[in-house]
Amino acid sequence: MTSIVLSVLAILVCGALGALAGFGAVSMIGWTGTWGAIVAAVIGMVVATFAFAVGAAILRRLGWLR
């Protein structure tokens, strides 16, 4: 049960990080509307996936995950 809770927490944290990155990038460019939302979503998903993968790799390297 602890593993599931920690996985959900990690997904939420990485998703929030991705959302902030996507929103920040689109805001910096100045895009709005549908295309701004699509670009923000794509950037957010890429950043969230990368953050989750890097986090898992670091925890495996430290021996905290199998």
PDB file of N, CA and C in Angstrom:
ATOM      1  N   MET A   1       0.815  -1.193   0.000  1.00  0.00           N
ATOM      2  CA  MET A   1       0.000   0.000   0.000  1.00  0.00           C
ATOM      3  C   MET A   1       0.863   1.264   0.000  1.00  0.00           C
ATOM      4  N   THR A   2       1.958   1.240   0.720  1.00  0.00           N
ATOM      5  CA  THR A   2       2.853   2.395   0.769  1.00  0.00           C
ATOM      6  C   THR A   2       3.423   2.690  -0.610  1.00  0.00           C
ATOM      7  N   SER A   3       3.734   1.638  -1.360  1.00  0.00           N
ATOM      8  CA  SER A   3       4.286   1.812  -2.696  1.00  0.00           C
ATOM      9  C   SER A   3       3.304   2.543  -3.610  1.00  0.00           C
ATOM     10  N   ILE A   4       2.040   2.201  -3.512  1.00  0.00           N
ATOM     11  CA  ILE A   4       1.026   2.846  -4.343  1.00  0.00           C
ATOM     12  C   ILE A   4       0.894   4.317  -3.967  1.00  0.00           C
ATOM     13  N   VAL A   5       0.867   4.603  -2.685  1.00  0.00           N
ATOM     14  CA  VAL A   5       0.732   5.984  -2.225  1.00  0.00           C
ATOM     15  C   VAL A   5       1.930   6.815  -2.681  1.00  0.00           C
ATOM     16  N   LEU A   6       3.121   6.270  -2.565  1.00  0.00           N
ATOM     17  CA  LEU A   6       4.316   7.001  -2.993  1.00  0.00           C
ATOM     18  C   LEU A   6       4.336   7.203  -4.503  1.00  0.00           C
ATOM     19  N   SER A   7       3.871   6.210  -5.251  1.00  0.00           N
ATOM     20  CA  SER A   7       3.803   6.354  -6.713  1.00  0.00           C
ATOM     21  C   SER A   7       2.816   7.443  -7.104  1.00  0.00           C
ATOM     22  N   VAL A   8       1.661   7.457  -6.468  1.00  0.00           N
ATOM     23  CA  VAL A   8       0.667   8.497  -6.759  1.00  0.00           C
ATOM     24  C   VAL A   8       1.227   9.868  -6.394  1.00  0.00           C
ATOM     25  N   LEU A   9       1.900   9.970  -5.278  1.00  0.00           N
ATOM     26  CA  LEU A   9       2.506  11.235  -4.868  1.00  0.00           C
ATOM     27  C   LEU A   9       3.556  11.693  -5.880  1.00  0.00           C
ATOM     28  N   ALA A  10       4.374  10.764  -6.353  1.00  0.00           N
ATOM     29  CA  ALA A  10       5.402  11.099  -7.342  1.00  0.00           C
ATOM     30  C   ALA A  10       4.759  11.563  -8.648  1.00  0.00           C
ATOM     31  N   ILE A  11       3.677  10.912  -9.057  1.00  0.00           N
ATOM     32  CA  ILE A  11       2.982  11.316 -10.286  1.00  0.00           C
ATOM     33  C   ILE A  11       2.403  12.719 -10.133  1.00  0.00           C
ATOM     34  N   LEU A  12       1.820  13.008  -8.975  1.00  0.00           N
ATOM     35  CA  LEU A  12       1.259  14.336  -8.742  1.00  0.00           C
ATOM     36  C   LEU A  12       2.339  15.418  -8.746  1.00  0.00           C
ATOM     37  N   VAL A  13       3.453  15.135  -8.093  1.00  0.00           N
ATOM     38  CA  VAL A  13       4.549  16.113  -8.041  1.00  0.00           C
ATOM     39  C   VAL A  13       5.128  16.357  -9.431  1.00  0.00           C
ATOM     40  N   CYS A  14       5.361  15.281 -10.171  1.00  0.00           N
ATOM     41  CA  CYS A  14       5.919  15.431 -11.522  1.00  0.00           C
ATOM     42  C   CYS A  14       4.919  16.103 -12.459  1.00  0.00           C
ATOM     43  N   GLY A  15       3.646  15.806 -12.295  1.00  0.00           N
ATOM     44  CA  GLY A  15       2.619  16.463 -13.097  1.00  0.00           C
ATOM     45  C   GLY A  15       2.551  17.951 -12.819  1.00  0.00           C
ATOM     46  N   ALA A  16       2.656  18.322 -11.554  1.00  0.00           N
ATOM     47  CA  ALA A  16       2.651  19.743 -11.196  1.00  0.00           C
ATOM     48  C   ALA A  16       3.879  20.450 -11.764  1.00  0.00           C
ATOM     49  N   LEU A  17       5.012  19.787 -11.698  1.00  0.00           N
ATOM     50  CA  LEU A  17       6.234  20.357 -12.262  1.00  0.00           C
ATOM     51  C   LEU A  17       6.085  20.561 -13.770  1.00  0.00           C
ATOM     52  N   GLY A  18       5.520  19.564 -14.437  1.00  0.00           N
ATOM     53  CA  GLY A  18       5.290  19.682 -15.875  1.00  0.00           C
ATOM     54  C   GLY A  18       4.300  20.773 -16.221  1.00  0.00           C
ATOM     55  N   ALA A  19       3.236  20.880 -15.421  1.00  0.00           N
ATOM     56  CA  ALA A  19       2.231  21.917 -15.671  1.00  0.00           C
ATOM     57  C   ALA A  19       2.842  23.309 -15.523  1.00  0.00           C
ATOM     58  N   LEU A  20       3.650  23.484 -14.491  1.00  0.00           N
ATOM     59  CA  LEU A  20       4.304  24.780 -14.301  1.00  0.00           C
ATOM     60  C   LEU A  20       5.264  25.086 -15.453  1.00  0.00           C
ATOM     61  N   ALA A  21       5.973  24.085 -15.910  1.00  0.00           N
ATOM     62  CA  ALA A  21       6.904  24.291 -17.023  1.00  0.00           C
ATOM     63  C   ALA A  21       6.154  24.649 -18.303  1.00  0.00           C
ATOM     64  N   GLY A  22       5.075  23.923 -18.582  1.00  0.00           N
ATOM     65  CA  GLY A  22       4.287  24.201 -19.781  1.00  0.00           C
ATOM     66  C   GLY A  22       3.654  25.577 -19.737  1.00  0.00           C
ATOM     67  N   PHE A  23       3.045  25.910 -18.600  1.00  0.00           N
ATOM     68  CA  PHE A  23       2.413  27.218 -18.446  1.00  0.00           C
ATOM     69  C   PHE A  23       3.454  28.332 -18.550  1.00  0.00           C
ATOM     70  N   GLY A  24       4.599  28.116 -17.909  1.00  0.00           N
ATOM     71  CA  GLY A  24       5.653  29.130 -17.956  1.00  0.00           C
ATOM     72  C   GLY A  24       6.185  29.360 -19.357  1.00  0.00           C
ATOM     73  N   ALA A  25       6.377  28.258 -20.089  1.00  0.00           N
ATOM     74  CA  ALA A  25       6.910  28.389 -21.448  1.00  0.00           C
ATOM     75  C   ALA A  25       5.929  29.119 -22.357  1.00  0.00           C
ATOM     76  N   VAL A  26       4.655  28.758 -22.271  1.00  0.00           N
ATOM     77  CA  VAL A  26       3.653  29.393 -23.123  1.00  0.00           C
ATOM     78  C   VAL A  26       3.444  30.854 -22.721  1.00  0.00           C
ATOM     79  N   SER A  27       3.489  31.122 -21.438  1.00  0.00           N
ATOM     80  CA  SER A  27       3.351  32.508 -20.980  1.00  0.00           C
ATOM     81  C   SER A  27       4.520  33.364 -21.449  1.00  0.00           C
ATOM     82  N   MET A  28       5.706  32.784 -21.423  1.00  0.00           N
ATOM     83  CA  MET A  28       6.892  33.514 -21.848  1.00  0.00           C
ATOM     84  C   MET A  28       6.824  33.834 -23.349  1.00  0.00           C
ATOM     85  N   ILE A  29       6.308  32.888 -24.115  1.00  0.00           N
ATOM     86  CA  ILE A  29       6.164  33.109 -25.561  1.00  0.00           C
ATOM     87  C   ILE A  29       5.035  34.101 -25.833  1.00  0.00           C
ATOM     88  N   GLY A  30       4.011  34.051 -24.969  1.00  0.00           N
ATOM     89  CA  GLY A  30       2.884  34.954 -25.144  1.00  0.00           C
ATOM     90  C   GLY A  30       1.723  34.346 -25.909  1.00  0.00           C
ATOM     91  N   TRP A  31       1.723  33.030 -26.058  1.00  0.00           N
ATOM     92  CA  TRP A  31       0.640  32.368 -26.785  1.00  0.00           C
ATOM     93  C   TRP A  31      -0.581  32.215 -25.894  1.00  0.00           C
ATOM     94  N   THR A  32      -1.752  32.312 -26.503  1.00  0.00           N
ATOM     95  CA  THR A  32      -3.001  32.101 -25.796  1.00  0.00           C
ATOM     96  C   THR A  32      -3.917  31.241 -26.655  1.00  0.00           C
ATOM     97  N   GLY A  33      -5.053  30.893 -26.108  1.00  0.00           N
ATOM     98  CA  GLY A  33      -6.050  30.152 -26.875  1.00  0.00           C
ATOM     99  C   GLY A  33      -5.733  28.681 -26.996  1.00  0.00           C
ATOM    100  N   THR A  34      -6.323  28.088 -28.012  1.00  0.00           N
ATOM    101  CA  THR A  34      -6.229  26.642 -28.215  1.00  0.00           C
ATOM    102  C   THR A  34      -4.793  26.196 -28.451  1.00  0.00           C
ATOM    103  N   TRP A  35      -4.085  26.894 -29.315  1.00  0.00           N
ATOM    104  CA  TRP A  35      -2.714  26.477 -29.613  1.00  0.00           C
ATOM    105  C   TRP A  35      -1.798  26.638 -28.413  1.00  0.00           C
ATOM    106  N   GLY A  36      -2.021  27.662 -27.641  1.00  0.00           N
ATOM    107  CA  GLY A  36      -1.242  27.830 -26.414  1.00  0.00           C
ATOM    108  C   GLY A  36      -1.491  26.695 -25.441  1.00  0.00           C
ATOM    109  N   ALA A  37      -2.754  26.277 -25.321  1.00  0.00           N
ATOM    110  CA  ALA A  37      -3.098  25.163 -24.431  1.00  0.00           C
ATOM    111  C   ALA A  37      -2.491  23.853 -24.912  1.00  0.00           C
ATOM    112  N   ILE A  38      -2.519  23.628 -26.218  1.00  0.00           N
ATOM    113  CA  ILE A  38      -1.946  22.389 -26.772  1.00  0.00           C
ATOM    114  C   ILE A  38      -0.439  22.355 -26.551  1.00  0.00           C
ATOM    115  N   VAL A  39       0.225  23.441 -26.828  1.00  0.00           N
ATOM    116  CA  VAL A  39       1.684  23.496 -26.639  1.00  0.00           C
ATOM    117  C   VAL A  39       2.032  23.347 -25.158  1.00  0.00           C
ATOM    118  N   ALA A  40       1.268  23.992 -24.284  1.00  0.00           N
ATOM    119  CA  ALA A  40       1.526  23.870 -22.848  1.00  0.00           C
ATOM    120  C   ALA A  40       1.336  22.430 -22.383  1.00  0.00           C
ATOM    121  N   ALA A  41       0.307  21.752 -22.905  1.00  0.00           N
ATOM    122  CA  ALA A  41       0.069  20.359 -22.528  1.00  0.00           C
ATOM    123  C   ALA A  41       1.199  19.451 -22.999  1.00  0.00           C
ATOM    124  N   VAL A  42       1.660  19.653 -24.216  1.00  0.00           N
ATOM    125  CA  VAL A  42       2.757  18.820 -24.745  1.00  0.00           C
ATOM    126  C   VAL A  42       4.032  19.047 -23.944  1.00  0.00           C
ATOM    127  N   ILE A  43       4.374  20.293 -23.709  1.00  0.00           N
ATOM    128  CA  ILE A  43       5.571  20.605 -22.915  1.00  0.00           C
ATOM    129  C   ILE A  43       5.428  20.030 -21.512  1.00  0.00           C
ATOM    130  N   GLY A  44       4.268  20.197 -20.922  1.00  0.00           N
ATOM    131  CA  GLY A  44       4.034  19.673 -19.579  1.00  0.00           C
ATOM    132  C   GLY A  44       4.179  18.170 -19.500  1.00  0.00           C
ATOM    133  N   MET A  45       3.643  17.449 -20.491  1.00  0.00           N
ATOM    134  CA  MET A  45       3.756  15.984 -20.479  1.00  0.00           C
ATOM    135  C   MET A  45       5.204  15.529 -20.657  1.00  0.00           C
ATOM    136  N   VAL A  46       5.940  16.207 -21.518  1.00  0.00           N
ATOM    137  CA  VAL A  46       7.349  15.840 -21.730  1.00  0.00           C
ATOM    138  C   VAL A  46       8.158  16.082 -20.453  1.00  0.00           C
ATOM    139  N   VAL A  47       7.957  17.234 -19.836  1.00  0.00           N
ATOM    140  CA  VAL A  47       8.702  17.561 -18.610  1.00  0.00           C
ATOM    141  C   VAL A  47       8.322  16.606 -17.480  1.00  0.00           C
ATOM    142  N   ALA A  48       7.032  16.310 -17.336  1.00  0.00           N
ATOM    143  CA  ALA A  48       6.583  15.405 -16.275  1.00  0.00           C
ATOM    144  C   ALA A  48       7.152  14.002 -16.469  1.00  0.00           C
ATOM    145  N   THR A  49       7.145  13.519 -17.695  1.00  0.00           N
ATOM    146  CA  THR A  49       7.692  12.191 -17.978  1.00  0.00           C
ATOM    147  C   THR A  49       9.188  12.147 -17.694  1.00  0.00           C
ATOM    148  N   PHE A  50       9.894  13.177 -18.130  1.00  0.00           N
ATOM    149  CA  PHE A  50      11.338  13.248 -17.896  1.00  0.00           C
ATOM    150  C   PHE A  50      11.642  13.305 -16.397  1.00  0.00           C
ATOM    151  N   ALA A  51      10.881  14.107 -15.658  1.00  0.00           N
ATOM    152  CA  ALA A  51      11.101  14.229 -14.212  1.00  0.00           C
ATOM    153  C   ALA A  51      10.852  12.898 -13.505  1.00  0.00           C
ATOM    154  N   PHE A  52       9.803  12.185 -13.905  1.00  0.00           N
ATOM    155  CA  PHE A  52       9.497  10.892 -13.295  1.00  0.00           C
ATOM    156  C   PHE A  52      10.608   9.884 -13.598  1.00  0.00           C
ATOM    157  N   ALA A  53      11.076   9.861 -14.848  1.00  0.00           N
ATOM    158  CA  ALA A  53      12.135   8.924 -15.231  1.00  0.00           C
ATOM    159  C   ALA A  53      13.442   9.229 -14.505  1.00  0.00           C
ATOM    160  N   VAL A  54      13.792  10.494 -14.422  1.00  0.00           N
ATOM    161  CA  VAL A  54      15.026  10.878 -13.731  1.00  0.00           C
ATOM    162  C   VAL A  54      14.923  10.558 -12.246  1.00  0.00           C
ATOM    163  N   GLY A  55      13.778  10.862 -11.655  1.00  0.00           N
ATOM    164  CA  GLY A  55      13.578  10.550 -10.239  1.00  0.00           C
ATOM    165  C   GLY A  55      13.681   9.062  -9.954  1.00  0.00           C
ATOM    166  N   ALA A  56      13.072   8.246 -10.809  1.00  0.00           N
ATOM    167  CA  ALA A  56      13.150   6.797 -10.633  1.00  0.00           C
ATOM    168  C   ALA A  56      14.583   6.299 -10.795  1.00  0.00           C
ATOM    169  N   ALA A  57      15.298   6.853 -11.778  1.00  0.00           N
ATOM    170  CA  ALA A  57      16.689   6.438 -11.990  1.00  0.00           C
ATOM    171  C   ALA A  57      17.567   6.799 -10.794  1.00  0.00           C
ATOM    172  N   ILE A  58      17.358   7.977 -10.256  1.00  0.00           N
ATOM    173  CA  ILE A  58      18.149   8.401  -9.085  1.00  0.00           C
ATOM    174  C   ILE A  58      17.852   7.506  -7.886  1.00  0.00           C
ATOM    175  N   LEU A  59      16.572   7.228  -7.650  1.00  0.00           N
ATOM    176  CA  LEU A  59      16.214   6.379  -6.510  1.00  0.00           C
ATOM    177  C   LEU A  59      16.728   4.948  -6.687  1.00  0.00           C
ATOM    178  N   ARG A  60      16.739   4.452  -7.918  1.00  0.00           N
ATOM    179  CA  ARG A  60      17.312   3.114  -8.163  1.00  0.00           C
ATOM    180  C   ARG A  60      18.819   3.122  -7.927  1.00  0.00           C
ATOM    181  N   ARG A  61      19.463   4.191  -8.350  1.00  0.00           N
ATOM    182  CA  ARG A  61      20.915   4.310  -8.182  1.00  0.00           C
ATOM    183  C   ARG A  61      21.285   4.362  -6.695  1.00  0.00           C
ATOM    184  N   LEU A  62      20.443   5.021  -5.901  1.00  0.00           N
ATOM    185  CA  LEU A  62      20.688   5.107  -4.466  1.00  0.00           C
ATOM    186  C   LEU A  62      20.300   3.814  -3.734  1.00  0.00           C
ATOM    187  N   GLY A  63      19.629   2.919  -4.429  1.00  0.00           N
ATOM    188  CA  GLY A  63      19.227   1.664  -3.821  1.00  0.00           C
ATOM    189  C   GLY A  63      17.911   1.721  -3.074  1.00  0.00           C
ATOM    190  N   TRP A  64      17.150   2.782  -3.253  1.00  0.00           N
ATOM    191  CA  TRP A  64      15.860   2.925  -2.574  1.00  0.00           C
ATOM    192  C   TRP A  64      14.746   2.218  -3.317  1.00  0.00           C
ATOM    193  N   LEU A  65      14.971   1.921  -4.586  1.00  0.00           N
ATOM    194  CA  LEU A  65      14.026   1.163  -5.424  1.00  0.00           C
ATOM    195  C   LEU A  65      14.734  -0.039  -6.003  1.00  0.00           C
ATOM    196  N   ARG A  66      13.951  -1.061  -6.247  1.00  0.00           N
ATOM    197  CA  ARG A  66      14.550  -2.239  -6.893  1.00  0.00           C
ATOM    198  C   ARG A  66      14.406  -2.178  -8.375  1.00  0.00           C
TER     199      ARG A  66
END
